[in-house]
PDB file of N, CA and C in Angstrom:
ATOM      1  N   MET A   1      95.465-129.153 172.398  1.00  0.00           N
ATOM      2  CA  MET A   1      95.445-127.766 171.983  1.00  0.00           C
ATOM      3  C   MET A   1      94.343-127.587 170.927  1.00  0.00           C
ATOM      4  N   PRO A   2      93.456-126.620 171.104  1.00  0.00           N
ATOM      5  CA  PRO A   2      92.381-126.400 170.149  1.00  0.00           C
ATOM      6  C   PRO A   2      92.925-125.987 168.775  1.00  0.00           C
ATOM      7  N   THR A   3      92.280-126.498 167.743  1.00  0.00           N
ATOM      8  CA  THR A   3      92.667-126.150 166.380  1.00  0.00           C
ATOM      9  C   THR A   3      91.505-126.424 165.444  1.00  0.00           C
ATOM     10  N   THR A   4      91.480-125.713 164.355  1.00  0.00           N
ATOM     11  CA  THR A   4      90.489-125.987 163.309  1.00  0.00           C
ATOM     12  C   THR A   4      91.089-126.878 162.231  1.00  0.00           C
ATOM     13  N   ARG A   5      92.365-127.180 162.355  1.00  0.00           N
ATOM     14  CA  ARG A   5      93.074-128.003 161.375  1.00  0.00           C
ATOM     15  C   ARG A   5      92.750-129.481 161.607  1.00  0.00           C
ATOM     16  N   PRO A   6      92.787-130.294 160.535  1.00  0.00           N
ATOM     17  CA  PRO A   6      92.577-131.734 160.719  1.00  0.00           C
ATOM     18  C   PRO A   6      93.673-132.344 161.585  1.00  0.00           C
ATOM     19  N   ARG A   7      93.292-133.328 162.360  1.00  0.00           N
ATOM     20  CA  ARG A   7      94.249-134.068 163.186  1.00  0.00           C
ATOM     21  C   ARG A   7      94.332-135.487 162.665  1.00  0.00           C
ATOM     22  N   HIS A   8      95.476-136.126 162.918  1.00  0.00           N
ATOM     23  CA  HIS A   8      95.686-137.494 162.469  1.00  0.00           C
ATOM     24  C   HIS A   8      96.191-138.325 163.628  1.00  0.00           C
ATOM     25  N   MET A   9      95.670-139.524 163.736  1.00  0.00           N
ATOM     26  CA  MET A   9      96.107-140.428 164.800  1.00  0.00           C
ATOM     27  C   MET A   9      96.942-141.545 164.188  1.00  0.00           C
ATOM     28  N   ILE A  10      98.027-141.874 164.853  1.00  0.00           N
ATOM     29  CA  ILE A  10      98.887-142.968 164.412  1.00  0.00           C
ATOM     30  C   ILE A  10      99.056-143.920 165.591  1.00  0.00           C
ATOM     31  N   THR A  11      98.753-145.172 165.356  1.00  0.00           N
ATOM     32  CA  THR A  11      98.946-146.183 166.389  1.00  0.00           C
ATOM     33  C   THR A  11     100.405-146.612 166.380  1.00  0.00           C
ATOM     34  N   GLU A  12     101.003-146.668 167.545  1.00  0.00           N
ATOM     35  CA  GLU A  12     102.406-147.053 167.655  1.00  0.00           C
ATOM     36  C   GLU A  12     102.517-148.576 167.610  1.00  0.00           C
ATOM     37  N   THR A  13     102.434-149.084 166.395  1.00  0.00           N
ATOM     38  CA  THR A  13     102.627-150.524 166.173  1.00  0.00           C
ATOM     39  C   THR A  13     104.097-150.849 166.419  1.00  0.00           C
ATOM     40  N   PRO A  14     104.455-152.117 166.495  1.00  0.00           N
ATOM     41  CA  PRO A  14     105.869-152.451 166.679  1.00  0.00           C
ATOM     42  C   PRO A  14     106.771-151.824 165.600  1.00  0.00           C
ATOM     43  N   GLU A  15     106.283-151.780 164.369  1.00  0.00           N
ATOM     44  CA  GLU A  15     107.074-151.184 163.289  1.00  0.00           C
ATOM     45  C   GLU A  15     107.250-149.678 163.504  1.00  0.00           C
ATOM     46  N   VAL A  16     106.172-148.986 163.852  1.00  0.00           N
ATOM     47  CA  VAL A  16     106.236-147.546 164.110  1.00  0.00           C
ATOM     48  C   VAL A  16     107.117-147.282 165.327  1.00  0.00           C
ATOM     49  N   GLU A  17     107.004-148.114 166.339  1.00  0.00           N
ATOM     50  CA  GLU A  17     107.852-147.982 167.528  1.00  0.00           C
ATOM     51  C   GLU A  17     109.332-148.063 167.147  1.00  0.00           C
ATOM     52  N   LYS A  18     109.656-149.010 166.286  1.00  0.00           N
ATOM     53  CA  LYS A  18     111.048-149.171 165.835  1.00  0.00           C
ATOM     54  C   LYS A  18     111.520-147.918 165.097  1.00  0.00           C
ATOM     55  N   TRP A  19     110.663-147.391 164.214  1.00  0.00           N
ATOM     56  CA  TRP A  19     111.034-146.192 163.461  1.00  0.00           C
ATOM     57  C   TRP A  19     111.247-144.999 164.388  1.00  0.00           C
ATOM     58  N   LEU A  20     110.379-144.867 165.390  1.00  0.00           N
ATOM     59  CA  LEU A  20     110.527-143.763 166.336  1.00  0.00           C
ATOM     60  C   LEU A  20     111.783-143.918 167.178  1.00  0.00           C
ATOM     61  N   ASP A  21     112.085-145.146 167.573  1.00  0.00           N
ATOM     62  CA  ASP A  21     113.306-145.391 168.337  1.00  0.00           C
ATOM     63  C   ASP A  21     114.542-145.047 167.504  1.00  0.00           C
ATOM     64  N   GLN A  22     114.515-145.385 166.226  1.00  0.00           N
ATOM     65  CA  GLN A  22     115.627-145.031 165.343  1.00  0.00           C
ATOM     66  C   GLN A  22     115.710-143.517 165.175  1.00  0.00           C
ATOM     67  N   ALA A  23     114.554-142.881 165.026  1.00  0.00           N
ATOM     68  CA  ALA A  23     114.531-141.425 164.888  1.00  0.00           C
ATOM     69  C   ALA A  23     115.110-140.756 166.133  1.00  0.00           C
ATOM     70  N   ALA A  24     114.857-141.327 167.291  1.00  0.00           N
ATOM     71  CA  ALA A  24     115.385-140.771 168.541  1.00  0.00           C
ATOM     72  C   ALA A  24     116.911-140.789 168.549  1.00  0.00           C
ATOM     73  N   GLN A  25     117.498-141.748 167.842  1.00  0.00           N
ATOM     74  CA  GLN A  25     118.959-141.797 167.746  1.00  0.00           C
ATOM     75  C   GLN A  25     119.477-140.664 166.855  1.00  0.00           C
ATOM     76  N   LEU A  26     118.709-140.317 165.824  1.00  0.00           N
ATOM     77  CA  LEU A  26     119.116-139.237 164.921  1.00  0.00           C
ATOM     78  C   LEU A  26     118.854-137.854 165.500  1.00  0.00           C
ATOM     79  N   TRP A  27     117.780-137.722 166.268  1.00  0.00           N
ATOM     80  CA  TRP A  27     117.398-136.447 166.856  1.00  0.00           C
ATOM     81  C   TRP A  27     117.287-136.594 168.373  1.00  0.00           C
ATOM     82  N   PRO A  28     118.423-136.742 169.043  1.00  0.00           N
ATOM     83  CA  PRO A  28     118.398-137.005 170.494  1.00  0.00           C
ATOM     84  C   PRO A  28     117.755-135.888 171.310  1.00  0.00           C
ATOM     85  N   ASP A  29     117.794-134.657 170.824  1.00  0.00           N
ATOM     86  CA  ASP A  29     117.162-133.560 171.572  1.00  0.00           C
ATOM     87  C   ASP A  29     115.650-133.756 171.680  1.00  0.00           C
ATOM     88  N   ASP A  30     115.076-134.512 170.759  1.00  0.00           N
ATOM     89  CA  ASP A  30     113.633-134.743 170.746  1.00  0.00           C
ATOM     90  C   ASP A  30     113.258-136.171 171.146  1.00  0.00           C
ATOM     91  N   ARG A  31     114.192-136.904 171.734  1.00  0.00           N
ATOM     92  CA  ARG A  31     113.952-138.323 172.039  1.00  0.00           C
ATOM     93  C   ARG A  31     112.790-138.536 173.004  1.00  0.00           C
ATOM     94  N   ASN A  32     112.454-137.527 173.790  1.00  0.00           N
ATOM     95  CA  ASN A  32     111.358-137.664 174.756  1.00  0.00           C
ATOM     96  C   ASN A  32     110.016-137.182 174.213  1.00  0.00           C
ATOM     97  N   SER A  33     110.000-136.803 172.948  1.00  0.00           N
ATOM     98  CA  SER A  33     108.751-136.341 172.339  1.00  0.00           C
ATOM     99  C   SER A  33     108.476-137.153 171.075  1.00  0.00           C
ATOM    100  N   ARG A  34     107.609-138.150 171.202  1.00  0.00           N
ATOM    101  CA  ARG A  34     107.281-138.985 170.049  1.00  0.00           C
ATOM    102  C   ARG A  34     106.643-138.141 168.944  1.00  0.00           C
ATOM    103  N   GLY A  35     105.872-137.119 169.312  1.00  0.00           N
ATOM    104  CA  GLY A  35     105.245-136.244 168.333  1.00  0.00           C
ATOM    105  C   GLY A  35     106.271-135.502 167.492  1.00  0.00           C
ATOM    106  N   LYS A  36     107.315-134.963 168.150  1.00  0.00           N
ATOM    107  CA  LYS A  36     108.372-134.264 167.412  1.00  0.00           C
ATOM    108  C   LYS A  36     109.139-135.234 166.519  1.00  0.00           C
ATOM    109  N   LEU A  37     109.350-136.439 167.009  1.00  0.00           N
ATOM    110  CA  LEU A  37     110.029-137.443 166.182  1.00  0.00           C
ATOM    111  C   LEU A  37     109.201-137.782 164.945  1.00  0.00           C
ATOM    112  N   LEU A  38     107.888-137.874 165.127  1.00  0.00           N
ATOM    113  CA  LEU A  38     107.012-138.117 163.980  1.00  0.00           C
ATOM    114  C   LEU A  38     107.129-136.987 162.962  1.00  0.00           C
ATOM    115  N   LEU A  39     107.193-135.760 163.437  1.00  0.00           N
ATOM    116  CA  LEU A  39     107.353-134.628 162.510  1.00  0.00           C
ATOM    117  C   LEU A  39     108.675-134.715 161.758  1.00  0.00           C
ATOM    118  N   HIS A  40     109.741-135.107 162.448  1.00  0.00           N
ATOM    119  CA  HIS A  40     111.025-135.292 161.760  1.00  0.00           C
ATOM    120  C   HIS A  40     110.902-136.359 160.667  1.00  0.00           C
ATOM    121  N   LEU A  41     110.240-137.463 161.016  1.00  0.00           N
ATOM    122  CA  LEU A  41     110.073-138.529 160.033  1.00  0.00           C
ATOM    123  C   LEU A  41     109.223-138.074 158.853  1.00  0.00           C
ATOM    124  N   LEU A  42     108.193-137.291 159.120  1.00  0.00           N
ATOM    125  CA  LEU A  42     107.373-136.754 158.033  1.00  0.00           C
ATOM    126  C   LEU A  42     108.190-135.832 157.134  1.00  0.00           C
ATOM    127  N   GLU A  43     109.010-134.989 157.733  1.00  0.00           N
ATOM    128  CA  GLU A  43     109.863-134.093 156.933  1.00  0.00           C
ATOM    129  C   GLU A  43     110.818-134.885 156.055  1.00  0.00           C
ATOM    130  N   GLU A  44     111.435-135.903 156.635  1.00  0.00           N
ATOM    131  CA  GLU A  44     112.369-136.728 155.864  1.00  0.00           C
ATOM    132  C   GLU A  44     111.636-137.509 154.773  1.00  0.00           C
ATOM    133  N   GLY A  45     110.446-138.005 155.103  1.00  0.00           N
ATOM    134  CA  GLY A  45     109.645-138.711 154.114  1.00  0.00           C
ATOM    135  C   GLY A  45     109.250-137.794 152.967  1.00  0.00           C
ATOM    136  N   HIS A  46     108.871-136.574 153.306  1.00  0.00           N
ATOM    137  CA  HIS A  46     108.520-135.612 152.265  1.00  0.00           C
ATOM    138  C   HIS A  46     109.721-135.308 151.385  1.00  0.00           C
ATOM    139  N   ARG A  47     110.878-135.163 151.994  1.00  0.00           N
ATOM    140  CA  ARG A  47     112.105-134.889 151.232  1.00  0.00           C
ATOM    141  C   ARG A  47     112.372-136.027 150.237  1.00  0.00           C
ATOM    142  N   ALA A  48     112.204-137.257 150.689  1.00  0.00           N
ATOM    143  CA  ALA A  48     112.430-138.410 149.811  1.00  0.00           C
ATOM    144  C   ALA A  48     111.406-138.457 148.681  1.00  0.00           C
ATOM    145  N   VAL A  49     110.141-138.229 149.020  1.00  0.00           N
ATOM    146  CA  VAL A  49     109.088-138.240 148.002  1.00  0.00           C
ATOM    147  C   VAL A  49     109.310-137.103 147.007  1.00  0.00           C
ATOM    148  N   ASN A  50     109.674-135.941 147.503  1.00  0.00           N
ATOM    149  CA  ASN A  50     109.917-134.802 146.619  1.00  0.00           C
ATOM    150  C   ASN A  50     111.084-135.080 145.675  1.00  0.00           C
ATOM    151  N   ASN A  51     112.126-135.715 146.179  1.00  0.00           N
ATOM    152  CA  ASN A  51     113.256-136.071 145.316  1.00  0.00           C
ATOM    153  C   ASN A  51     112.821-137.031 144.218  1.00  0.00           C
ATOM    154  N   GLN A  52     111.987-138.006 144.570  1.00  0.00           N
ATOM    155  CA  GLN A  52     111.474-138.943 143.567  1.00  0.00           C
ATOM    156  C   GLN A  52     110.590-138.231 142.556  1.00  0.00           C
ATOM    157  N   TYR A  53     109.764-137.310 143.037  1.00  0.00           N
ATOM    158  CA  TYR A  53     108.884-136.543 142.158  1.00  0.00           C
ATOM    159  C   TYR A  53     109.713-135.713 141.177  1.00  0.00           C
ATOM    160  N   GLU A  54     110.710-135.020 141.687  1.00  0.00           N
ATOM    161  CA  GLU A  54     111.556-134.183 140.829  1.00  0.00           C
ATOM    162  C   GLU A  54     112.304-135.032 139.808  1.00  0.00           C
ATOM    163  N   ALA A  55     112.781-136.200 140.204  1.00  0.00           N
ATOM    164  CA  ALA A  55     113.485-137.088 139.273  1.00  0.00           C
ATOM    165  C   ALA A  55     112.537-137.574 138.176  1.00  0.00           C
ATOM    166  N   ALA A  56     111.303-137.928 138.554  1.00  0.00           N
ATOM    167  CA  ALA A  56     110.317-138.372 137.563  1.00  0.00           C
ATOM    168  C   ALA A  56     109.965-137.229 136.616  1.00  0.00           C
ATOM    169  N   LEU A  57     109.830-136.040 137.151  1.00  0.00           N
ATOM    170  CA  LEU A  57     109.538-134.870 136.328  1.00  0.00           C
ATOM    171  C   LEU A  57     110.675-134.608 135.342  1.00  0.00           C
ATOM    172  N   ALA A  58     111.909-134.730 135.802  1.00  0.00           N
ATOM    173  CA  ALA A  58     113.068-134.536 134.922  1.00  0.00           C
ATOM    174  C   ALA A  58     113.089-135.592 133.819  1.00  0.00           C
ATOM    175  N   ARG A  59     112.740-136.837 134.153  1.00  0.00           N
ATOM    176  CA  ARG A  59     112.684-137.892 133.130  1.00  0.00           C
ATOM    177  C   ARG A  59     111.612-137.601 132.088  1.00  0.00           C
ATOM    178  N   ARG A  60     110.451-137.135 132.550  1.00  0.00           N
ATOM    179  CA  ARG A  60     109.373-136.802 131.611  1.00  0.00           C
ATOM    180  C   ARG A  60     109.787-135.648 130.704  1.00  0.00           C
ATOM    181  N   ARG A  61     110.392-134.625 131.289  1.00  0.00           N
ATOM    182  CA  ARG A  61     110.840-133.486 130.476  1.00  0.00           C
ATOM    183  C   ARG A  61     111.895-133.913 129.464  1.00  0.00           C
ATOM    184  N   ALA A  62     112.801-134.773 129.875  1.00  0.00           N
ATOM    185  CA  ALA A  62     113.839-135.265 128.961  1.00  0.00           C
ATOM    186  C   ALA A  62     113.205-136.053 127.820  1.00  0.00           C
ATOM    187  N   ALA A  63     112.192-136.851 128.128  1.00  0.00           N
ATOM    188  CA  ALA A  63     111.509-137.620 127.083  1.00  0.00           C
ATOM    189  C   ALA A  63     110.810-136.684 126.103  1.00  0.00           C
ATOM    190  N   ILE A  64     110.213-135.631 126.615  1.00  0.00           N
ATOM    191  CA  ILE A  64     109.561-134.644 125.739  1.00  0.00           C
ATOM    192  C   ILE A  64     110.600-133.973 124.848  1.00  0.00           C
ATOM    193  N   GLU A  65     111.715-133.596 125.440  1.00  0.00           N
ATOM    194  CA  GLU A  65     112.785-132.959 124.652  1.00  0.00           C
ATOM    195  C   GLU A  65     113.317-133.903 123.572  1.00  0.00           C
ATOM    196  N   ARG A  66     113.485-135.191 123.922  1.00  0.00           N
ATOM    197  CA  ARG A  66     114.003-136.163 122.959  1.00  0.00           C
ATOM    198  C   ARG A  66     113.067-136.357 121.776  1.00  0.00           C
ATOM    199  N   THR A  67     111.769-136.304 122.041  1.00  0.00           N
ATOM    200  CA  THR A  67     110.801-136.575 120.976  1.00  0.00           C
ATOM    201  C   THR A  67     110.264-135.311 120.320  1.00  0.00           C
ATOM    202  N   SER A  68     110.570-134.159 120.887  1.00  0.00           N
ATOM    203  CA  SER A  68     110.071-132.902 120.349  1.00  0.00           C
ATOM    204  C   SER A  68     110.529-132.708 118.906  1.00  0.00           C
ATOM    205  N   GLY A  69     109.568-132.490 118.026  1.00  0.00           N
ATOM    206  CA  GLY A  69     109.891-132.272 116.617  1.00  0.00           C
ATOM    207  C   GLY A  69     110.212-133.536 115.851  1.00  0.00           C
ATOM    208  N   GLY A  70     110.162-134.657 116.506  1.00  0.00           N
ATOM    209  CA  GLY A  70     110.529-135.913 115.859  1.00  0.00           C
ATOM    210  C   GLY A  70     109.454-136.486 114.955  1.00  0.00           C
ATOM    211  N   TYR A  71     108.261-135.892 114.991  1.00  0.00           N
ATOM    212  CA  TYR A  71     107.165-136.419 114.196  1.00  0.00           C
ATOM    213  C   TYR A  71     106.602-135.368 113.234  1.00  0.00           C
ATOM    214  N   ASP A  72     107.433-134.425 112.891  1.00  0.00           N
ATOM    215  CA  ASP A  72     106.988-133.348 112.002  1.00  0.00           C
ATOM    216  C   ASP A  72     106.551-133.857 110.630  1.00  0.00           C
ATOM    217  N   ASP A  73     107.089-134.959 110.179  1.00  0.00           N
ATOM    218  CA  ASP A  73     106.809-135.443 108.830  1.00  0.00           C
ATOM    219  C   ASP A  73     105.603-136.392 108.761  1.00  0.00           C
ATOM    220  N   ILE A  74     104.914-136.607 109.883  1.00  0.00           N
ATOM    221  CA  ILE A  74     103.774-137.524 109.884  1.00  0.00           C
ATOM    222  C   ILE A  74     102.573-136.917 109.165  1.00  0.00           C
ATOM    223  N   PHE A  75     102.326-135.644 109.395  1.00  0.00           N
ATOM    224  CA  PHE A  75     101.168-134.986 108.805  1.00  0.00           C
ATOM    225  C   PHE A  75     101.617-134.041 107.697  1.00  0.00           C
ATOM    226  N   PRO A  76     100.822-133.944 106.638  1.00  0.00           N
ATOM    227  CA  PRO A  76     101.216-133.077 105.520  1.00  0.00           C
ATOM    228  C   PRO A  76     101.111-131.594 105.874  1.00  0.00           C
ATOM    229  N   GLU A  77     101.756-130.776 105.119  1.00  0.00           N
ATOM    230  CA  GLU A  77     101.714-129.320 105.279  1.00  0.00           C
ATOM    231  C   GLU A  77     100.266-128.857 105.233  1.00  0.00           C
ATOM    232  N   GLY A  78      99.864-128.005 106.166  1.00  0.00           N
ATOM    233  CA  GLY A  78      98.517-127.459 106.187  1.00  0.00           C
ATOM    234  C   GLY A  78      97.473-128.376 106.800  1.00  0.00           C
ATOM    235  N   TYR A  79      97.892-129.473 107.395  1.00  0.00           N
ATOM    236  CA  TYR A  79      96.970-130.448 107.971  1.00  0.00           C
ATOM    237  C   TYR A  79      96.054-129.816 109.022  1.00  0.00           C
ATOM    238  N   LEU A  80      96.624-129.056 109.963  1.00  0.00           N
ATOM    239  CA  LEU A  80      95.808-128.472 111.025  1.00  0.00           C
ATOM    240  C   LEU A  80      94.812-127.468 110.481  1.00  0.00           C
ATOM    241  N   GLU A  81      95.234-126.635 109.558  1.00  0.00           N
ATOM    242  CA  GLU A  81      94.321-125.654 108.982  1.00  0.00           C
ATOM    243  C   GLU A  81      93.148-126.356 108.300  1.00  0.00           C
ATOM    244  N   GLU A  82      93.442-127.429 107.584  1.00  0.00           N
ATOM    245  CA  GLU A  82      92.395-128.193 106.908  1.00  0.00           C
ATOM    246  C   GLU A  82      91.446-128.827 107.928  1.00  0.00           C
ATOM    247  N   LEU A  83      91.995-129.378 108.984  1.00  0.00           N
ATOM    248  CA  LEU A  83      91.181-129.995 110.040  1.00  0.00           C
ATOM    249  C   LEU A  83      90.287-128.961 110.699  1.00  0.00           C
ATOM    250  N   ARG A  84      90.814-127.799 110.980  1.00  0.00           N
ATOM    251  CA  ARG A  84      90.069-126.764 111.698  1.00  0.00           C
ATOM    252  C   ARG A  84      88.934-126.149 110.869  1.00  0.00           C
ATOM    253  N   LYS A  85      88.954-126.330 109.574  1.00  0.00           N
ATOM    254  CA  LYS A  85      87.877-125.811 108.740  1.00  0.00           C
ATOM    255  C   LYS A  85      86.534-126.418 109.135  1.00  0.00           C
ATOM    256  N   ASP A  86      86.547-127.655 109.615  1.00  0.00           N
ATOM    257  CA  ASP A  86      85.329-128.355 110.001  1.00  0.00           C
ATOM    258  C   ASP A  86      84.847-128.022 111.417  1.00  0.00           C
ATOM    259  N   TRP A  87      85.638-127.297 112.166  1.00  0.00           N
ATOM    260  CA  TRP A  87      85.283-126.989 113.546  1.00  0.00           C
ATOM    261  C   TRP A  87      84.305-125.815 113.586  1.00  0.00           C
ATOM    262  N   PRO A  88      83.325-125.889 114.470  1.00  0.00           N
ATOM    263  CA  PRO A  88      82.422-124.730 114.610  1.00  0.00           C
ATOM    264  C   PRO A  88      83.175-123.573 115.264  1.00  0.00           C
ATOM    265  N   GLU A  89      82.747-122.387 114.925  1.00  0.00           N
ATOM    266  CA  GLU A  89      83.398-121.181 115.473  1.00  0.00           C
ATOM    267  C   GLU A  89      83.041-120.984 116.913  1.00  0.00           C
TER     268      GLU A  89
END
């Protein structure tokens, strides 16, 4: 089918064959379409990656919250104003 979108080729190695065969068990309506099975696997892979991304983001936000304001006493009062005096306008 003509398209201007990038295309990707995947060689059905023994490992990929095994994954597709397993996918066919989960999505029997698409068992005769390796392409549709690949799309299912991509969707599931994206879901897993997105869950990991969201968990990492939550950990980073929690770390920021834990440390927020924890270093207020490191610099003296007026430190930034004094520093900025040397900056060009």
